[in-house]
Amino acid sequence: MLKPENNAGGQSHTHSGKRVSCDGGGGALGHPKIWLIFGDDGTVTCPYCSNDFASDVSSNSASHTS
């Protein structure tokens, strides 16, 4: 499950799995839903809204993005 956190570049989310979707979270004010694939470091940033997502891919459990 995604958990929003505050950070300077937008919102930070944690997620388990290899990919995550983002729609900006703003309903009609968001952006088109896109699927993002986690990089080798287990993080990805949405190019539309700068939301950060992190996953602990080594143990398949969620972790926090700093």
N, C-alpha and C. Protein backbone atom coordinates (compact mmCIF):
# COMPACT_ATOMS: atom_id res chain seq x y z
N MET A 1 0.84 -1.17 0.00
CA MET A 1 0.00 0.00 0.00
C MET A 1 0.88 1.24 0.00
N LEU A 2 0.49 2.26 -0.72
CA LEU A 2 1.26 3.49 -0.81
C LEU A 2 1.02 4.36 0.41
N LYS A 3 2.08 4.99 0.92
CA LYS A 3 2.00 5.87 2.07
C LYS A 3 2.63 7.21 1.72
N PRO A 4 1.85 8.31 1.66
CA PRO A 4 2.47 9.59 1.35
C PRO A 4 3.30 10.11 2.52
N GLU A 5 4.42 10.71 2.21
CA GLU A 5 5.31 11.36 3.18
C GLU A 5 5.67 12.71 2.58
N ASN A 6 6.10 13.65 3.40
CA ASN A 6 6.51 14.96 2.90
C ASN A 6 7.99 14.96 2.55
N ASN A 7 8.34 15.58 1.43
CA ASN A 7 9.72 15.85 1.08
C ASN A 7 9.76 17.04 0.14
N ALA A 8 10.94 17.57 -0.14
CA ALA A 8 11.06 18.80 -0.92
C ALA A 8 10.63 18.64 -2.37
N GLY A 9 10.79 17.47 -2.97
CA GLY A 9 10.50 17.27 -4.38
C GLY A 9 9.10 16.80 -4.68
N GLY A 10 8.23 16.77 -3.75
CA GLY A 10 6.89 16.25 -3.94
C GLY A 10 6.57 15.30 -2.82
N GLN A 11 5.78 14.30 -3.09
CA GLN A 11 5.44 13.32 -2.06
C GLN A 11 6.31 12.09 -2.23
N SER A 12 6.57 11.43 -1.12
CA SER A 12 7.35 10.20 -1.12
C SER A 12 6.42 9.05 -0.76
N HIS A 13 6.56 7.93 -1.45
CA HIS A 13 5.70 6.78 -1.23
C HIS A 13 6.55 5.53 -1.10
N THR A 14 6.05 4.57 -0.32
CA THR A 14 6.71 3.28 -0.25
C THR A 14 5.80 2.24 -0.90
N HIS A 15 6.41 1.23 -1.48
CA HIS A 15 5.63 0.22 -2.20
C HIS A 15 6.46 -1.05 -2.34
N SER A 16 5.80 -2.17 -2.28
CA SER A 16 6.50 -3.42 -2.54
C SER A 16 6.11 -3.89 -3.94
N GLY A 17 7.02 -4.46 -4.65
CA GLY A 17 6.80 -4.91 -6.02
C GLY A 17 7.84 -4.32 -6.94
N LYS A 18 7.71 -4.61 -8.24
CA LYS A 18 8.68 -4.17 -9.23
C LYS A 18 8.26 -2.91 -9.97
N ARG A 19 6.97 -2.57 -9.88
CA ARG A 19 6.48 -1.36 -10.55
C ARG A 19 5.35 -0.75 -9.76
N VAL A 20 5.06 0.51 -10.07
CA VAL A 20 4.03 1.25 -9.36
C VAL A 20 3.35 2.19 -10.35
N SER A 21 2.08 2.49 -10.13
CA SER A 21 1.40 3.44 -11.00
C SER A 21 1.29 4.78 -10.29
N CYS A 22 1.21 5.85 -11.07
CA CYS A 22 1.04 7.19 -10.53
C CYS A 22 0.08 7.95 -11.42
N ASP A 23 -0.87 8.66 -10.81
CA ASP A 23 -1.79 9.52 -11.55
C ASP A 23 -1.80 10.93 -10.97
N GLY A 24 -0.83 11.24 -10.14
CA GLY A 24 -0.73 12.56 -9.55
C GLY A 24 -1.59 12.73 -8.31
N GLY A 25 -2.53 11.82 -8.09
CA GLY A 25 -3.37 11.85 -6.90
C GLY A 25 -4.33 13.01 -6.83
N GLY A 26 -4.51 13.76 -7.90
CA GLY A 26 -5.35 14.94 -7.84
C GLY A 26 -6.68 14.79 -8.56
N GLY A 27 -7.11 13.56 -8.82
CA GLY A 27 -8.36 13.37 -9.55
C GLY A 27 -8.28 14.04 -10.92
N ALA A 28 -9.23 14.93 -11.19
CA ALA A 28 -9.23 15.65 -12.47
C ALA A 28 -8.04 16.59 -12.59
N LEU A 29 -7.44 16.96 -11.48
CA LEU A 29 -6.29 17.86 -11.50
C LEU A 29 -4.96 17.13 -11.54
N GLY A 30 -5.00 15.79 -11.59
CA GLY A 30 -3.78 14.99 -11.62
C GLY A 30 -3.19 14.95 -13.02
N HIS A 31 -2.61 13.83 -13.38
CA HIS A 31 -2.05 13.64 -14.72
C HIS A 31 -2.44 12.25 -15.20
N PRO A 32 -2.17 11.92 -16.47
CA PRO A 32 -2.52 10.58 -16.96
C PRO A 32 -1.83 9.51 -16.12
N LYS A 33 -2.54 8.41 -15.87
CA LYS A 33 -1.97 7.31 -15.11
C LYS A 33 -0.85 6.66 -15.92
N ILE A 34 0.32 6.55 -15.28
CA ILE A 34 1.46 5.90 -15.92
C ILE A 34 2.01 4.85 -14.97
N TRP A 35 2.69 3.86 -15.53
CA TRP A 35 3.35 2.82 -14.74
C TRP A 35 4.84 3.09 -14.74
N LEU A 36 5.44 3.06 -13.56
CA LEU A 36 6.86 3.31 -13.39
C LEU A 36 7.53 2.04 -12.90
N ILE A 37 8.71 1.75 -13.42
CA ILE A 37 9.47 0.56 -13.02
C ILE A 37 10.62 1.02 -12.13
N PHE A 38 10.76 0.37 -10.96
CA PHE A 38 11.83 0.72 -10.04
C PHE A 38 13.19 0.45 -10.67
N GLY A 39 14.14 1.36 -10.43
CA GLY A 39 15.49 1.21 -10.92
C GLY A 39 16.28 0.22 -10.07
N ASP A 40 17.55 0.07 -10.40
CA ASP A 40 18.42 -0.85 -9.66
C ASP A 40 18.55 -0.48 -8.20
N ASP A 41 18.41 0.82 -7.88
CA ASP A 41 18.51 1.26 -6.50
C ASP A 41 17.18 1.16 -5.75
N GLY A 42 16.11 0.66 -6.41
CA GLY A 42 14.82 0.47 -5.76
C GLY A 42 14.00 1.74 -5.64
N THR A 43 14.33 2.78 -6.42
CA THR A 43 13.56 4.02 -6.39
C THR A 43 13.16 4.43 -7.80
N VAL A 44 12.13 5.28 -7.88
CA VAL A 44 11.71 5.87 -9.14
C VAL A 44 10.97 7.17 -8.81
N THR A 45 11.11 8.17 -9.69
CA THR A 45 10.44 9.46 -9.54
C THR A 45 9.52 9.67 -10.73
N CYS A 46 8.30 10.08 -10.46
CA CYS A 46 7.34 10.35 -11.53
C CYS A 46 7.78 11.58 -12.32
N PRO A 47 7.87 11.46 -13.65
CA PRO A 47 8.30 12.60 -14.45
C PRO A 47 7.26 13.72 -14.54
N TYR A 48 5.99 13.42 -14.24
CA TYR A 48 4.95 14.44 -14.28
C TYR A 48 4.91 15.27 -13.00
N CYS A 49 4.85 14.61 -11.84
CA CYS A 49 4.57 15.33 -10.58
C CYS A 49 5.70 15.25 -9.56
N SER A 50 6.78 14.59 -9.88
CA SER A 50 7.96 14.46 -9.00
C SER A 50 7.70 13.68 -7.72
N ASN A 51 6.61 12.91 -7.67
CA ASN A 51 6.41 12.03 -6.52
C ASN A 51 7.49 10.96 -6.54
N ASP A 52 8.06 10.67 -5.37
CA ASP A 52 9.11 9.65 -5.25
C ASP A 52 8.50 8.35 -4.73
N PHE A 53 8.94 7.24 -5.29
CA PHE A 53 8.50 5.93 -4.86
C PHE A 53 9.73 5.10 -4.54
N ALA A 54 9.63 4.25 -3.50
CA ALA A 54 10.75 3.39 -3.11
C ALA A 54 10.24 2.00 -2.80
N SER A 55 11.08 1.02 -3.08
CA SER A 55 10.75 -0.36 -2.78
C SER A 55 12.03 -1.07 -2.37
N ASP A 56 11.91 -1.91 -1.35
CA ASP A 56 13.04 -2.74 -0.95
C ASP A 56 12.96 -4.01 -1.78
N VAL A 57 13.52 -3.96 -2.98
CA VAL A 57 13.41 -5.07 -3.92
C VAL A 57 14.15 -6.31 -3.46
N SER A 58 15.15 -6.16 -2.58
CA SER A 58 15.91 -7.33 -2.14
C SER A 58 15.11 -8.22 -1.22
N SER A 59 14.26 -7.63 -0.36
CA SER A 59 13.46 -8.44 0.55
C SER A 59 11.98 -8.38 0.24
N ASN A 60 11.60 -7.61 -0.83
CA ASN A 60 10.22 -7.46 -1.27
C ASN A 60 9.32 -6.88 -0.18
N SER A 61 9.88 -6.01 0.68
CA SER A 61 9.06 -5.31 1.66
C SER A 61 9.28 -3.81 1.50
N ALA A 62 8.31 -3.02 1.91
CA ALA A 62 8.35 -1.57 1.71
C ALA A 62 9.43 -0.94 2.58
N SER A 63 10.00 0.17 2.06
CA SER A 63 10.98 0.94 2.82
C SER A 63 10.71 2.41 2.62
N HIS A 64 11.32 3.27 3.44
CA HIS A 64 11.11 4.69 3.41
C HIS A 64 12.17 5.38 2.57
N THR A 65 11.75 6.37 1.76
CA THR A 65 12.68 7.16 0.98
C THR A 65 13.12 8.36 1.78
N SER A 66 14.44 8.61 1.81
CA SER A 66 14.98 9.77 2.53
C SER A 66 14.93 11.00 1.67
